Amino acid sequence: MLLGGNHRDYSFMQKLPKSHILQDSEDISRTLKNKSTSLKHLSFYKNTNVLEVSRLGLAVPKKNAKRSVDRNRIKRLIREAFRQAPKESHLASVDLVVKLHAPIGKKTRKRLRESERCLIRQQLRDHFQIKV
């Protein structure tokens, strides 16, 4: 227990299981060789796998999101959308790599603006077919 009243409750956040994370470099490169579905900021690469679970890989380069705070926020948004995606959706037994391909924060000194964050969130909802 923390003293001084600085305790924060993070129990509402759920972690993505390790079995759902795409870590093998061969699997990632095999997935990236497939044709992508591109939106304004994000590209989605899919490859079928023989496992019973879907796995997620992330590519958020420093070239497109300069601040680590923004890169981490974008990765959290992607992970949460993947976790909330319906299990019976088009993501059954799929390796998926989501890549940020367009720079963010051109007008705000490389900072992620609220409008860009909302746009990325909407793109993820549409792609993962999440009902609000």
Protein backbone atom coordinates (compact mmCIF):
# COMPACT_ATOMS: atom_id res chain seq x y z
CA MET A 1 0.00 0.00 0.00
CA LEU A 2 1.27 3.44 -0.87
CA LEU A 3 1.43 6.14 1.74
CA GLY A 4 0.48 9.76 1.23
CA GLY A 5 -2.73 9.20 -0.71
CA ASN A 6 -1.03 8.64 -4.07
CA HIS A 7 -2.65 5.23 -4.58
CA ARG A 8 -4.38 4.87 -7.94
CA ASP A 9 -6.72 2.05 -8.84
CA TYR A 10 -5.81 0.52 -12.21
CA SER A 11 -8.03 -2.53 -11.82
CA PHE A 12 -10.23 -1.41 -14.73
CA MET A 13 -7.36 -1.97 -17.18
CA GLN A 14 -6.93 -5.47 -18.52
CA LYS A 15 -3.70 -6.75 -19.90
CA LEU A 16 -3.45 -8.48 -23.27
CA PRO A 17 -2.31 -12.10 -22.62
CA LYS A 18 1.17 -13.05 -23.87
CA SER A 19 -0.38 -15.72 -26.09
CA HIS A 20 -2.09 -12.90 -28.05
CA ILE A 21 1.13 -10.97 -28.71
CA LEU A 22 3.00 -11.53 -31.97
CA GLN A 23 6.69 -11.64 -30.99
CA ASP A 24 8.48 -13.94 -33.42
CA SER A 25 10.30 -11.89 -36.07
CA GLU A 26 9.65 -14.52 -38.76
CA ASP A 27 5.89 -14.37 -38.12
CA ILE A 28 5.96 -10.57 -38.18
CA SER A 29 7.90 -10.40 -41.46
CA ARG A 30 5.61 -13.05 -43.01
CA THR A 31 2.59 -10.96 -41.99
CA LEU A 32 4.10 -7.73 -43.32
CA LYS A 33 4.61 -9.33 -46.76
CA ASN A 34 0.83 -9.58 -47.22
CA LYS A 35 -1.24 -6.81 -48.73
CA SER A 36 -2.38 -4.19 -46.24
CA THR A 37 -5.61 -2.38 -45.57
CA SER A 38 -4.71 1.28 -45.11
CA LEU A 39 -6.66 4.06 -43.46
CA LYS A 40 -5.59 7.65 -42.83
CA HIS A 41 -3.03 6.88 -40.10
CA LEU A 42 -2.97 3.10 -39.75
CA SER A 43 -2.18 0.08 -41.94
CA PHE A 44 -3.46 -3.39 -41.05
CA TYR A 45 -1.55 -6.47 -42.25
CA LYS A 46 -3.17 -9.92 -41.81
CA ASN A 47 -1.93 -13.47 -42.09
CA THR A 48 -3.74 -16.65 -41.07
CA ASN A 49 -2.15 -18.83 -38.42
CA VAL A 50 -2.68 -22.41 -37.25
CA LEU A 51 -3.24 -21.41 -33.63
CA GLU A 52 -6.63 -21.04 -32.03
CA VAL A 53 -5.91 -17.46 -30.95
CA SER A 54 -5.34 -14.24 -32.80
CA ARG A 55 -2.06 -12.44 -32.23
CA LEU A 56 -1.25 -8.74 -32.45
CA GLY A 57 1.96 -7.04 -33.52
CA LEU A 58 2.54 -3.27 -33.31
CA ALA A 59 4.74 -0.97 -35.35
CA VAL A 60 4.68 2.65 -34.20
CA PRO A 61 7.92 4.18 -35.47
CA LYS A 62 9.63 7.19 -33.95
CA LYS A 63 9.70 8.71 -37.43
CA ASN A 64 5.89 9.12 -37.37
CA ALA A 65 5.32 9.81 -33.66
CA LYS A 66 8.25 11.70 -32.17
CA ARG A 67 7.26 11.67 -28.50
CA SER A 68 7.35 8.37 -26.60
CA VAL A 69 4.22 9.44 -24.73
CA ASP A 70 2.32 9.58 -28.02
CA ARG A 71 3.75 6.28 -29.30
CA ASN A 72 2.75 4.55 -26.08
CA ARG A 73 -0.74 6.07 -26.16
CA ILE A 74 -1.27 4.89 -29.74
CA LYS A 75 -0.10 1.38 -28.80
CA ARG A 76 -2.47 1.33 -25.83
CA LEU A 77 -5.37 2.40 -28.08
CA ILE A 78 -4.56 -0.38 -30.56
CA ARG A 79 -4.20 -3.06 -27.85
CA GLU A 80 -7.47 -2.06 -26.19
CA ALA A 81 -9.35 -2.11 -29.51
CA PHE A 82 -7.88 -5.55 -30.30
CA ARG A 83 -8.87 -6.83 -26.85
CA GLN A 84 -12.44 -5.51 -27.22
CA ALA A 85 -12.92 -6.92 -30.72
CA PRO A 86 -15.67 -9.55 -30.88
CA LYS A 87 -14.22 -13.06 -30.68
CA GLU A 88 -16.37 -14.33 -33.55
CA SER A 89 -15.25 -11.49 -35.83
CA HIS A 90 -12.93 -11.62 -38.83
CA LEU A 91 -9.97 -11.88 -36.42
CA ALA A 92 -10.30 -15.58 -35.62
CA SER A 93 -6.89 -17.36 -35.88
CA VAL A 94 -5.15 -14.40 -37.50
CA ASP A 95 -1.79 -12.73 -37.05
CA LEU A 96 -2.36 -8.99 -37.29
CA VAL A 97 0.28 -6.26 -37.48
CA VAL A 98 -0.95 -2.68 -37.07
CA LYS A 99 1.46 -0.04 -38.33
CA LEU A 100 1.32 3.74 -37.96
CA HIS A 101 2.26 4.91 -41.46
CA ALA A 102 1.41 8.63 -41.38
CA PRO A 103 3.09 11.25 -39.18
CA ILE A 104 1.02 12.77 -36.39
CA GLY A 105 1.16 16.26 -34.92
CA LYS A 106 2.28 18.23 -37.95
CA LYS A 107 0.67 21.44 -36.65
CA THR A 108 1.25 20.93 -32.93
CA ARG A 109 5.03 20.55 -32.61
CA LYS A 110 4.87 16.76 -33.07
CA ARG A 111 2.30 16.24 -30.32
CA LEU A 112 -0.68 13.95 -30.67
CA ARG A 113 -3.75 16.17 -30.89
CA GLU A 114 -7.11 15.23 -29.47
CA SER A 115 -8.64 15.19 -32.95
CA GLU A 116 -5.95 12.76 -34.20
CA ARG A 117 -6.42 10.53 -31.17
CA CYS A 118 -10.19 10.42 -31.79
CA LEU A 119 -9.62 9.69 -35.49
CA ILE A 120 -7.25 6.81 -34.69
CA ARG A 121 -9.73 5.44 -32.15
CA GLN A 122 -12.54 5.63 -34.75
CA GLN A 123 -10.40 3.86 -37.36
CA LEU A 124 -9.72 1.08 -34.86
CA ARG A 125 -13.42 0.75 -33.97
CA ASP A 126 -14.35 0.51 -37.64
CA HIS A 127 -11.65 -2.03 -38.43
CA PHE A 128 -12.28 -4.23 -35.39
CA GLN A 129 -16.08 -3.85 -35.70
CA ILE A 130 -16.50 -2.65 -32.12
CA LYS A 131 -19.96 -1.40 -31.21
CA VAL A 132 -19.98 1.70 -29.05
